[in-house]
Amino acid sequence: MSNLTCASGEASVSSAAGGTNYSQQYFSNPPAQAQPVKRKRNQPGNPDPDAEVIALSPKTLMATNRFVCEICNKGFQRDQNLQLHRRGHNLPWKLKQRTSKEVRKKVYVCPEVSCVHHDPSRALGDLTGIKKHFYRKHGEKKWKCDKCSKRYAVQSDWKAHSKTCGTKEYRCDCGTLFS
């Protein structure tokens, strides 16, 4: 005689020598508990419909130092950094302050017309995200792995790959090695 019981003990199947006897209780859903509603963040390419859509040129996206000091020609990635630098030249400077409590969200579209993220309904949610997307999908792949010759357009991707390339090997039952 065999007896199978699930972890909750609600269902059982019995088998006797003289025939089969099945008895099963139907599973019932546990009572719903009131859990706090967790706000999910928008998935990539699925932006907030109320957000302001911004289209930047490829040149602007790939620029490393968009904000340049007019005195020494030193470049900065952010306007805030330029303003702090201007203090060293005793030039007037002003850090941007948030004026309203409610800041309108911004989403960025890819400048490449054939790209799925060119459509405002598939825009990406932050400037870093659209820059990395543009480099990865449409930019030149400048960094090359010394071990496997794989090429990367984003330096952080290349660094992450380089740390693990060739270090993890998996052997199949047939004897083939995979990395």
C-alpha atoms as a PDB file:
ATOM      1  CA  MET A   1       0.000   0.000   0.000  1.00  0.00           C
ATOM      2  CA  SER A   2       1.343   3.434  -0.916  1.00  0.00           C
ATOM      3  CA  ASN A   3       0.328   6.810   0.386  1.00  0.00           C
ATOM      4  CA  LEU A   4       1.235  10.124  -1.239  1.00  0.00           C
ATOM      5  CA  THR A   5       0.607  13.332   0.631  1.00  0.00           C
ATOM      6  CA  CYS A   6       1.493  16.838  -0.407  1.00  0.00           C
ATOM      7  CA  ALA A   7       3.314  19.183   1.971  1.00  0.00           C
ATOM      8  CA  SER A   8       0.096  20.774   3.191  1.00  0.00           C
ATOM      9  CA  GLY A   9      -1.500  17.383   3.854  1.00  0.00           C
ATOM     10  CA  GLU A  10      -4.631  18.361   1.948  1.00  0.00           C
ATOM     11  CA  ALA A  11      -4.486  15.799  -0.837  1.00  0.00           C
ATOM     12  CA  SER A  12      -3.869  12.105  -0.620  1.00  0.00           C
ATOM     13  CA  VAL A  13      -3.863   9.207  -3.041  1.00  0.00           C
ATOM     14  CA  SER A  14      -4.284   5.672  -1.706  1.00  0.00           C
ATOM     15  CA  SER A  15      -3.761   2.442  -3.533  1.00  0.00           C
ATOM     16  CA  ALA A  16      -4.843  -0.911  -2.123  1.00  0.00           C
ATOM     17  CA  ALA A  17      -4.106  -4.406  -3.471  1.00  0.00           C
ATOM     18  CA  GLY A  18      -7.759  -5.087  -4.288  1.00  0.00           C
ATOM     19  CA  GLY A  19      -8.242  -1.933  -6.381  1.00  0.00           C
ATOM     20  CA  THR A  20      -7.480   1.726  -6.394  1.00  0.00           C
ATOM     21  CA  ASN A  21      -9.144   4.094  -3.962  1.00  0.00           C
ATOM     22  CA  TYR A  22      -8.643   7.811  -4.603  1.00  0.00           C
ATOM     23  CA  SER A  23      -9.593  10.475  -2.125  1.00  0.00           C
ATOM     24  CA  GLN A  24      -8.699  14.085  -2.714  1.00  0.00           C
ATOM     25  CA  GLN A  25      -9.674  17.321  -1.135  1.00  0.00           C
ATOM     26  CA  TYR A  26      -9.582  20.264  -3.448  1.00  0.00           C
ATOM     27  CA  PHE A  27      -6.991  22.875  -2.696  1.00  0.00           C
ATOM     28  CA  SER A  28      -8.398  26.145  -1.549  1.00  0.00           C
ATOM     29  CA  ASN A  29      -6.608  29.441  -1.839  1.00  0.00           C
ATOM     30  CA  PRO A  30      -5.405  30.784   1.483  1.00  0.00           C
ATOM     31  CA  PRO A  31      -7.251  33.903   2.672  1.00  0.00           C
ATOM     32  CA  ALA A  32      -5.916  37.041   1.020  1.00  0.00           C
ATOM     33  CA  GLN A  33      -3.804  39.073   3.370  1.00  0.00           C
ATOM     34  CA  ALA A  34      -3.687  42.831   3.118  1.00  0.00           C
ATOM     35  CA  GLN A  35      -0.166  43.559   1.930  1.00  0.00           C
ATOM     36  CA  PRO A  36       1.095  47.071   1.335  1.00  0.00           C
ATOM     37  CA  VAL A  37       0.862  48.024  -2.322  1.00  0.00           C
ATOM     38  CA  LYS A  38       4.363  48.129  -3.752  1.00  0.00           C
ATOM     39  CA  ARG A  39       4.848  50.684  -6.513  1.00  0.00           C
ATOM     40  CA  LYS A  40       6.539  48.978  -9.443  1.00  0.00           C
ATOM     41  CA  ARG A  41       9.059  50.965 -11.431  1.00  0.00           C
ATOM     42  CA  ASN A  42       8.534  51.241 -15.152  1.00  0.00           C
ATOM     43  CA  GLN A  43      10.261  48.616 -17.242  1.00  0.00           C
ATOM     44  CA  PRO A  44      12.859  49.751 -19.806  1.00  0.00           C
ATOM     45  CA  GLY A  45      11.139  51.012 -22.910  1.00  0.00           C
ATOM     46  CA  ASN A  46       7.786  51.285 -21.133  1.00  0.00           C
ATOM     47  CA  PRO A  47       7.738  54.917 -19.953  1.00  0.00           C
ATOM     48  CA  ASP A  48       5.358  56.915 -17.840  1.00  0.00           C
ATOM     49  CA  PRO A  49       2.779  58.387 -20.266  1.00  0.00           C
ATOM     50  CA  ASP A  50       2.884  61.759 -18.456  1.00  0.00           C
ATOM     51  CA  ALA A  51       6.662  62.145 -18.827  1.00  0.00           C
ATOM     52  CA  GLU A  52       8.294  64.771 -21.008  1.00  0.00           C
ATOM     53  CA  VAL A  53       9.853  63.158 -24.108  1.00  0.00           C
ATOM     54  CA  ILE A  54      13.369  64.417 -24.913  1.00  0.00           C
ATOM     55  CA  ALA A  55      15.196  63.717 -28.174  1.00  0.00           C
ATOM     56  CA  LEU A  56      18.958  64.299 -28.145  1.00  0.00           C
ATOM     57  CA  SER A  57      21.251  64.219 -31.166  1.00  0.00           C
ATOM     58  CA  PRO A  58      23.862  61.453 -31.504  1.00  0.00           C
ATOM     59  CA  LYS A  59      26.583  64.093 -31.071  1.00  0.00           C
ATOM     60  CA  THR A  60      25.072  65.225 -27.757  1.00  0.00           C
ATOM     61  CA  LEU A  61      24.651  61.644 -26.534  1.00  0.00           C
ATOM     62  CA  MET A  62      28.253  60.739 -27.312  1.00  0.00           C
ATOM     63  CA  ALA A  63      29.767  63.978 -25.985  1.00  0.00           C
ATOM     64  CA  THR A  64      31.869  63.371 -22.898  1.00  0.00           C
ATOM     65  CA  ASN A  65      32.297  66.985 -21.800  1.00  0.00           C
ATOM     66  CA  ARG A  66      29.312  69.020 -22.933  1.00  0.00           C
ATOM     67  CA  PHE A  67      29.844  71.883 -20.467  1.00  0.00           C
ATOM     68  CA  VAL A  68      33.050  73.858 -21.135  1.00  0.00           C
ATOM     69  CA  CYS A  69      34.655  76.576 -19.025  1.00  0.00           C
ATOM     70  CA  GLU A  70      35.057  79.769 -21.078  1.00  0.00           C
ATOM     71  CA  ILE A  71      38.282  80.682 -19.252  1.00  0.00           C
ATOM     72  CA  CYS A  72      40.403  77.505 -19.351  1.00  0.00           C
ATOM     73  CA  ASN A  73      38.378  75.345 -21.809  1.00  0.00           C
ATOM     74  CA  LYS A  74      38.145  72.513 -19.305  1.00  0.00           C
ATOM     75  CA  GLY A  75      35.132  70.305 -20.023  1.00  0.00           C
ATOM     76  CA  PHE A  76      32.606  68.769 -17.631  1.00  0.00           C
ATOM     77  CA  GLN A  77      29.897  66.165 -18.010  1.00  0.00           C
ATOM     78  CA  ARG A  78      27.426  68.046 -15.808  1.00  0.00           C
ATOM     79  CA  ASP A  79      26.488  71.719 -15.593  1.00  0.00           C
ATOM     80  CA  GLN A  80      26.649  71.542 -11.793  1.00  0.00           C
ATOM     81  CA  ASN A  81      30.339  70.553 -11.992  1.00  0.00           C
ATOM     82  CA  LEU A  82      31.078  73.454 -14.336  1.00  0.00           C
ATOM     83  CA  GLN A  83      29.387  75.874 -11.949  1.00  0.00           C
ATOM     84  CA  LEU A  84      31.483  74.616  -9.050  1.00  0.00           C
ATOM     85  CA  HIS A  85      34.595  74.950 -11.246  1.00  0.00           C
ATOM     86  CA  ARG A  86      33.701  78.551 -12.154  1.00  0.00           C
ATOM     87  CA  ARG A  87      34.080  79.494  -8.484  1.00  0.00           C
ATOM     88  CA  GLY A  88      37.824  78.840  -8.822  1.00  0.00           C
ATOM     89  CA  HIS A  89      38.043  81.578 -11.477  1.00  0.00           C
ATOM     90  CA  ASN A  90      36.015  83.986  -9.292  1.00  0.00           C
ATOM     91  CA  LEU A  91      33.296  83.988 -11.960  1.00  0.00           C
ATOM     92  CA  PRO A  92      29.604  84.273 -11.141  1.00  0.00           C
ATOM     93  CA  TRP A  93      28.093  80.838 -10.617  1.00  0.00           C
ATOM     94  CA  LYS A  94      24.690  79.470  -9.753  1.00  0.00           C
ATOM     95  CA  LEU A  95      23.713  75.961  -8.766  1.00  0.00           C
ATOM     96  CA  LYS A  96      20.296  74.936 -10.006  1.00  0.00           C
ATOM     97  CA  GLN A  97      17.714  74.547  -7.284  1.00  0.00           C
ATOM     98  CA  ARG A  98      14.493  72.621  -7.639  1.00  0.00           C
ATOM     99  CA  THR A  99      11.827  75.289  -7.756  1.00  0.00           C
ATOM    100  CA  SER A 100       8.655  73.220  -7.653  1.00  0.00           C
ATOM    101  CA  LYS A 101       7.898  70.281  -5.431  1.00  0.00           C
ATOM    102  CA  GLU A 102       6.624  68.218  -8.331  1.00  0.00           C
ATOM    103  CA  VAL A 103       9.348  67.602 -10.907  1.00  0.00           C
ATOM    104  CA  ARG A 104       8.125  66.432 -14.296  1.00  0.00           C
ATOM    105  CA  LYS A 105       9.678  63.129 -15.247  1.00  0.00           C
ATOM    106  CA  LYS A 106      11.772  62.974 -18.411  1.00  0.00           C
ATOM    107  CA  VAL A 107      12.167  60.101 -20.848  1.00  0.00           C
ATOM    108  CA  TYR A 108      14.658  59.901 -23.698  1.00  0.00           C
ATOM    109  CA  VAL A 109      14.189  58.567 -27.224  1.00  0.00           C
ATOM    110  CA  CYS A 110      16.965  57.068 -29.313  1.00  0.00           C
ATOM    111  CA  PRO A 111      17.996  59.285 -32.263  1.00  0.00           C
ATOM    112  CA  GLU A 112      18.371  56.233 -34.549  1.00  0.00           C
ATOM    113  CA  VAL A 113      15.144  56.164 -36.616  1.00  0.00           C
ATOM    114  CA  SER A 114      15.177  52.381 -37.157  1.00  0.00           C
ATOM    115  CA  CYS A 115      15.532  51.647 -33.408  1.00  0.00           C
ATOM    116  CA  VAL A 116      12.586  50.454 -31.297  1.00  0.00           C
ATOM    117  CA  HIS A 117      13.478  53.074 -28.664  1.00  0.00           C
ATOM    118  CA  HIS A 118      12.996  55.880 -31.220  1.00  0.00           C
ATOM    119  CA  ASP A 119       9.256  55.572 -30.636  1.00  0.00           C
ATOM    120  CA  PRO A 120       8.164  57.752 -27.647  1.00  0.00           C
ATOM    121  CA  SER A 121       6.075  54.866 -26.296  1.00  0.00           C
ATOM    122  CA  ARG A 122       9.335  52.865 -25.951  1.00  0.00           C
ATOM    123  CA  ALA A 123      11.512  55.722 -24.618  1.00  0.00           C
ATOM    124  CA  LEU A 124      14.115  55.022 -21.914  1.00  0.00           C
ATOM    125  CA  GLY A 125      13.814  56.552 -18.460  1.00  0.00           C
ATOM    126  CA  ASP A 126      17.160  58.177 -17.754  1.00  0.00           C
ATOM    127  CA  LEU A 127      20.010  59.924 -19.521  1.00  0.00           C
ATOM    128  CA  THR A 128      22.607  57.316 -18.541  1.00  0.00           C
ATOM    129  CA  GLY A 129      20.336  54.559 -19.866  1.00  0.00           C
ATOM    130  CA  ILE A 130      19.857  56.180 -23.263  1.00  0.00           C
ATOM    131  CA  LYS A 131      23.583  56.918 -23.546  1.00  0.00           C
ATOM    132  CA  LYS A 132      24.547  53.313 -22.788  1.00  0.00           C
ATOM    133  CA  HIS A 133      21.826  52.034 -25.128  1.00  0.00           C
ATOM    134  CA  PHE A 134      23.069  54.270 -27.948  1.00  0.00           C
ATOM    135  CA  TYR A 135      26.690  53.215 -27.438  1.00  0.00           C
ATOM    136  CA  ARG A 136      25.822  49.498 -27.160  1.00  0.00           C
ATOM    137  CA  LYS A 137      23.466  49.272 -30.103  1.00  0.00           C
ATOM    138  CA  HIS A 138      24.617  51.990 -32.481  1.00  0.00           C
ATOM    139  CA  GLY A 139      28.128  53.021 -31.396  1.00  0.00           C
ATOM    140  CA  GLU A 140      31.639  51.913 -32.227  1.00  0.00           C
ATOM    141  CA  LYS A 141      32.909  48.956 -30.208  1.00  0.00           C
ATOM    142  CA  LYS A 142      36.221  50.340 -28.940  1.00  0.00           C
ATOM    143  CA  TRP A 143      37.095  47.864 -26.189  1.00  0.00           C
ATOM    144  CA  LYS A 144      38.231  44.325 -27.051  1.00  0.00           C
ATOM    145  CA  CYS A 145      38.740  41.376 -24.700  1.00  0.00           C
ATOM    146  CA  ASP A 146      42.327  40.100 -24.860  1.00  0.00           C
ATOM    147  CA  LYS A 147      41.242  36.507 -24.162  1.00  0.00           C
ATOM    148  CA  CYS A 148      38.317  35.944 -26.511  1.00  0.00           C
ATOM    149  CA  SER A 149      38.436  39.008 -28.840  1.00  0.00           C
ATOM    150  CA  LYS A 150      34.839  39.969 -28.041  1.00  0.00           C
ATOM    151  CA  ARG A 151      34.279  43.709 -28.564  1.00  0.00           C
ATOM    152  CA  TYR A 152      32.321  46.195 -26.425  1.00  0.00           C
ATOM    153  CA  ALA A 153      31.096  49.738 -26.937  1.00  0.00           C
ATOM    154  CA  VAL A 154      30.643  50.476 -23.202  1.00  0.00           C
ATOM    155  CA  GLN A 155      33.777  50.321 -21.073  1.00  0.00           C
ATOM    156  CA  SER A 156      31.923  49.043 -17.994  1.00  0.00           C
ATOM    157  CA  ASP A 157      30.576  46.092 -20.025  1.00  0.00           C
ATOM    158  CA  TRP A 158      34.121  45.267 -21.185  1.00  0.00           C
ATOM    159  CA  LYS A 159      35.475  45.476 -17.614  1.00  0.00           C
ATOM    160  CA  ALA A 160      32.731  43.217 -16.265  1.00  0.00           C
ATOM    161  CA  HIS A 161      33.328  40.694 -19.048  1.00  0.00           C
ATOM    162  CA  SER A 162      37.122  40.775 -18.558  1.00  0.00           C
ATOM    163  CA  LYS A 163      36.786  39.827 -14.898  1.00  0.00           C
ATOM    164  CA  THR A 164      35.062  36.538 -15.705  1.00  0.00           C
ATOM    165  CA  CYS A 165      36.253  35.687 -19.226  1.00  0.00           C
ATOM    166  CA  GLY A 166      37.946  32.298 -19.285  1.00  0.00           C
ATOM    167  CA  THR A 167      37.717  31.762 -15.522  1.00  0.00           C
ATOM    168  CA  LYS A 168      34.554  29.692 -15.401  1.00  0.00           C
ATOM    169  CA  GLU A 169      34.551  26.426 -17.267  1.00  0.00           C
ATOM    170  CA  TYR A 170      31.736  23.933 -17.330  1.00  0.00           C
ATOM    171  CA  ARG A 171      32.266  20.366 -18.470  1.00  0.00           C
ATOM    172  CA  CYS A 172      29.378  18.615 -20.193  1.00  0.00           C
ATOM    173  CA  ASP A 173      28.733  14.905 -19.631  1.00  0.00           C
ATOM    174  CA  CYS A 174      30.074  14.320 -23.129  1.00  0.00           C
ATOM    175  CA  GLY A 175      33.381  15.943 -22.177  1.00  0.00           C
ATOM    176  CA  THR A 176      32.976  19.277 -23.988  1.00  0.00           C
ATOM    177  CA  LEU A 177      34.208  22.389 -22.112  1.00  0.00           C
ATOM    178  CA  PHE A 178      32.055  25.534 -22.070  1.00  0.00           C
ATOM    179  CA  SER A 179      33.007  28.899 -20.641  1.00  0.00           C
END
